[in-house]
Protein backbone atom coordinates (compact mmCIF):
# COMPACT_ATOMS: atom_id res chain seq x y z
CA MET A 1 0.00 0.00 0.00
CA SER A 2 1.46 3.33 -1.02
CA ARG A 3 2.03 6.02 1.54
CA PRO A 4 -0.19 9.10 1.24
CA GLU A 5 1.35 12.28 -0.06
CA PHE A 6 1.51 15.17 2.39
CA GLY A 7 -1.99 16.51 2.95
CA ASP A 8 -3.59 13.95 0.60
CA ASP A 9 -5.17 11.55 3.09
CA GLU A 10 -8.77 10.90 2.07
CA ARG A 11 -10.03 11.85 5.52
CA GLN A 12 -8.55 15.32 5.08
CA LEU A 13 -9.86 15.75 1.54
CA ARG A 14 -13.42 14.61 2.30
CA PRO A 15 -15.72 17.68 2.19
CA ARG A 16 -17.08 18.73 5.55
CA GLU A 17 -20.43 20.42 5.98
CA GLU A 18 -19.18 22.79 8.65
CA ASP A 19 -16.47 24.22 6.39
CA SER A 20 -18.75 26.47 4.37
CA ALA A 21 -17.49 29.79 3.03
CA ARG A 22 -20.95 31.25 3.76
CA ASP A 23 -20.83 30.31 7.42
CA PRO A 24 -19.36 33.09 9.63
CA VAL A 25 -18.48 30.54 12.31
CA ALA A 26 -16.50 28.51 9.77
CA TRP A 27 -14.65 31.66 8.76
CA LEU A 28 -13.81 32.48 12.38
CA SER A 29 -12.58 28.92 12.93
CA ALA A 30 -10.57 28.87 9.71
CA VAL A 31 -8.96 32.29 10.22
CA PHE A 32 -8.22 32.28 13.94
CA TYR A 33 -7.95 28.60 14.91
CA TYR A 34 -6.46 27.04 11.79
CA GLY A 35 -4.85 30.14 10.27
CA LEU A 36 -3.57 32.34 13.06
CA GLY A 37 -3.23 29.43 15.49
CA GLN A 38 -0.91 27.41 13.30
CA SER A 39 1.00 30.56 12.30
CA LEU A 40 1.73 31.40 15.93
CA PHE A 41 2.65 27.83 16.86
CA LEU A 42 4.41 26.46 13.78
CA GLY A 43 5.92 29.80 12.75
CA LEU A 44 7.17 30.65 16.25
CA PRO A 45 10.93 30.69 15.47
CA ALA A 46 10.53 33.28 12.68
CA LEU A 47 8.10 35.35 14.73
CA TRP A 48 10.50 35.35 17.68
CA LEU A 49 13.33 36.50 15.43
CA ALA A 50 11.17 39.27 13.99
CA PHE A 51 9.78 40.66 17.25
CA LEU A 52 13.24 40.67 18.85
CA ALA A 53 15.11 41.86 15.76
CA PRO A 54 18.30 43.66 16.85
CA VAL A 55 18.09 46.18 13.99
CA ARG A 56 15.22 48.06 12.31
CA ARG A 57 12.82 46.39 14.72
CA LEU A 58 9.91 48.74 14.09
CA GLU A 59 9.95 48.14 10.33
CA ILE A 60 10.39 44.39 10.74
CA VAL A 61 7.65 44.07 13.36
CA ASP A 62 5.23 46.17 11.30
CA ALA A 63 5.79 43.96 8.24
CA THR A 64 5.45 40.81 10.36
CA VAL A 65 2.10 41.98 11.77
CA VAL A 66 0.87 42.52 8.21
CA GLY A 67 1.97 38.96 7.42
CA MET A 68 0.13 37.68 10.49
CA VAL A 69 -3.05 39.19 9.06
CA PHE A 70 -2.80 38.06 5.45
CA VAL A 71 -1.27 34.59 5.85
CA PRO A 72 -4.16 33.30 8.05
CA LEU A 73 -6.64 34.78 5.57
CA VAL A 74 -5.05 32.85 2.70
CA ILE A 75 -4.95 29.66 4.80
CA ALA A 76 -8.64 30.14 5.67
CA ALA A 77 -9.56 30.75 2.03
CA GLY A 78 -7.74 27.58 1.01
CA ARG A 79 -9.33 25.55 3.79
CA LEU A 80 -12.84 26.77 2.93
CA GLY A 81 -12.40 25.91 -0.75
CA LEU A 82 -12.35 29.46 -2.10
CA LEU A 83 -9.12 28.73 -3.97
CA ARG A 84 -10.35 25.42 -5.39
CA VAL A 85 -11.25 26.73 -8.84
CA GLY A 86 -7.81 28.20 -9.42
CA LEU A 87 -5.98 25.22 -7.93
CA ASP A 88 -8.02 22.69 -9.92
CA ARG A 89 -6.70 24.25 -13.12
CA PHE A 90 -3.22 23.16 -12.04
CA GLY A 91 -4.29 19.82 -10.56
CA ARG A 92 -3.53 20.97 -7.00
CA ARG A 93 -5.39 20.83 -3.69
CA TRP A 94 -4.94 23.03 -0.66
CA PRO A 95 -2.84 21.13 1.93
CA THR A 96 -5.02 21.28 5.03
CA LEU A 97 -3.98 20.52 8.58
CA GLY A 98 -6.43 19.15 11.12
CA GLY A 99 -7.05 16.57 13.78
CA THR A 100 -7.10 13.71 11.28
CA THR A 101 -3.62 14.68 10.09
CA LEU A 102 -2.15 13.30 13.29
CA GLY A 103 -3.46 9.85 12.41
CA VAL A 104 -1.80 9.73 9.00
CA VAL A 105 1.43 7.84 8.33
CA GLY A 106 4.32 10.29 8.55
CA SER A 107 2.09 13.01 10.00
CA TYR A 108 5.01 14.65 11.79
CA ARG A 109 6.47 15.51 8.38
CA VAL A 110 3.24 17.25 7.33
CA TYR A 111 3.61 19.59 10.30
CA LEU A 112 7.34 19.93 9.73
CA VAL A 113 6.74 21.02 6.14
CA ARG A 114 4.11 23.57 7.18
CA SER A 115 6.36 24.86 9.98
CA THR A 116 9.28 25.45 7.63
CA LEU A 117 6.99 27.11 5.09
CA LEU A 118 5.50 29.45 7.69
CA ASN A 119 8.93 30.31 9.06
CA ALA A 120 10.21 31.06 5.57
CA THR A 121 7.09 33.08 4.75
CA PHE A 122 7.46 35.33 7.79
CA MET A 123 11.17 35.78 7.08
CA TRP A 124 10.42 36.78 3.50
CA VAL A 125 7.70 39.16 4.70
CA ALA A 126 9.69 40.74 7.54
CA TYR A 127 13.17 40.99 6.10
CA GLY A 128 12.24 41.05 2.43
CA THR A 129 10.04 44.07 3.07
CA ALA A 130 12.74 45.78 5.13
CA TRP A 131 15.35 45.17 2.44
CA LEU A 132 13.16 46.23 -0.48
CA THR A 133 11.93 49.43 1.17
CA SER A 134 15.49 50.38 2.12
CA ARG A 135 16.72 49.85 -1.43
CA PHE A 136 13.70 51.41 -3.12
CA GLY A 137 12.46 54.11 -0.81
CA SER A 138 9.38 54.86 -2.89
CA LEU A 139 7.88 51.41 -2.27
CA PRO A 140 4.97 51.42 0.22
CA TRP A 141 5.92 49.00 3.00
CA PHE A 142 2.34 47.85 3.75
CA GLU A 143 1.58 46.85 0.16
CA VAL A 144 4.98 45.16 -0.20
CA ALA A 145 4.51 43.12 2.99
CA ALA A 146 0.95 42.16 2.05
CA ALA A 147 1.97 41.16 -1.48
CA ILE A 148 4.82 38.97 -0.22
CA ALA A 149 2.58 37.34 2.41
CA VAL A 150 -0.19 36.54 -0.05
CA ALA A 151 2.09 35.41 -2.90
CA THR A 152 4.22 33.10 -0.75
CA SER A 153 1.31 31.50 1.09
CA LEU A 154 -0.60 30.96 -2.17
CA ALA A 155 2.37 28.83 -3.27
CA TYR A 156 1.86 26.31 -0.45
CA PRO A 157 0.06 23.74 -2.66
CA TRP A 158 3.18 23.57 -4.85
CA LEU A 159 5.73 23.89 -2.06
CA SER A 160 4.11 21.21 0.13
CA THR A 161 4.41 18.33 -2.33
CA ALA A 162 6.66 15.33 -1.75
CA SER A 163 7.97 15.27 -5.32
CA ARG A 164 11.64 16.00 -6.01
CA ARG A 165 10.73 19.24 -7.76
CA GLY A 166 8.49 20.29 -4.87
CA ARG A 167 11.20 19.57 -2.33
CA LEU A 168 13.78 21.49 -4.33
CA ALA A 169 11.44 24.47 -4.62
CA ARG A 170 10.66 24.29 -0.91
CA ALA A 171 14.34 24.16 0.08
CA THR A 172 15.08 27.14 -2.17
CA PHE A 173 12.18 29.05 -0.66
CA GLN A 174 13.28 28.23 2.89
CA LEU A 175 16.91 29.17 2.33
CA GLY A 176 15.78 32.35 0.57
CA GLY A 177 13.96 33.41 3.72
CA ILE A 178 17.10 32.90 5.81
CA ALA A 179 19.12 34.79 3.19
CA ALA A 180 16.67 37.69 3.43
CA LEU A 181 17.25 37.80 7.19
CA LEU A 182 21.03 37.76 6.76
CA ALA A 183 20.78 40.57 4.20
CA VAL A 184 19.25 42.81 6.87
CA VAL A 185 20.79 41.56 10.12
CA ASP A 186 24.55 41.51 10.69
CA LEU A 187 24.72 38.21 12.54
CA LEU A 188 28.37 38.64 13.51
CA ALA A 189 27.59 41.98 15.14
CA VAL A 190 24.70 40.38 16.99
CA VAL A 191 26.98 37.66 18.37
CA GLU A 192 29.62 40.22 19.36
CA SER A 193 26.95 42.18 21.25
CA GLY A 194 26.22 39.13 23.39
CA PHE A 195 22.69 38.52 22.07
CA TYR A 196 23.30 34.78 21.70
CA ARG A 197 19.65 33.78 21.74
CA TYR A 198 19.13 35.35 18.33
CA PRO A 199 21.59 33.11 16.41
CA ALA A 200 20.41 30.17 18.55
CA VAL A 201 16.80 30.57 17.39
CA LEU A 202 17.99 31.14 13.83
CA GLY A 203 19.92 27.89 14.18
CA LEU A 204 16.69 26.15 15.24
CA ALA A 205 14.93 27.45 12.12
CA LEU A 206 17.84 26.24 9.99
CA PHE A 207 17.76 22.85 11.73
CA LEU A 208 14.09 22.44 10.76
CA VAL A 209 15.01 23.25 7.15
CA VAL A 210 17.78 20.63 7.20
CA LEU A 211 15.44 18.07 8.77
CA ASP A 212 12.86 18.72 6.07
CA ALA A 213 15.54 18.43 3.35
CA LEU A 214 16.87 15.01 4.44
CA PRO A 215 14.55 13.05 2.08
CA LEU A 216 15.62 15.32 -0.78
CA VAL A 217 19.30 14.71 -0.02
CA ALA A 218 18.71 10.94 0.11
CA ASP A 219 16.77 11.14 -3.16
CA LEU A 220 19.54 13.07 -4.93
CA ARG A 221 22.25 10.76 -3.60
CA GLY A 222 20.32 7.74 -4.86
CA ARG A 223 20.16 8.99 -8.45
């Protein structure tokens, strides 16, 4: 029996009556419980790094807050099926997380993938916005942060797949988020200042990326 692809277990894909886009309660559940809740929990390393940024903290925090608004909205829209028409054109489904996910073979990896994606998303939003607005002063920071948050989270159906191409794209996306942070924060100066927790948490985020990339490395070595 073949193992299910991440987010493709039939129990997760079965339509549920309570998940109706016309139901305000379903929207509240999808936005705050599934969207904001998983962002705060699974994206905690990136959020910690943003809210305790040693440089340009106000800009970075402002962009992160924008991301914390728009990312849950995209997750809720995907969960409620509002993105189904567009995704069906590409043969994709929104990768949902829920209680049944924990009962699926390899469920820890489903959460690991989403955690690394959320961490990378918030790094792109926070530090990508800070870098772009510093290089191009005419860019409005709110629109830039919102655009990055929406665009990166809309890519989750492609970045969450277990295919070699999907894993390569995900690793590139994850490392790009860390590169955006390093383009804004002088990590050596942070270490010299004695703020050791910052590189430690960044190391945790990088460890999650490496852990997620292990199947890709084994796949490439077996070619």
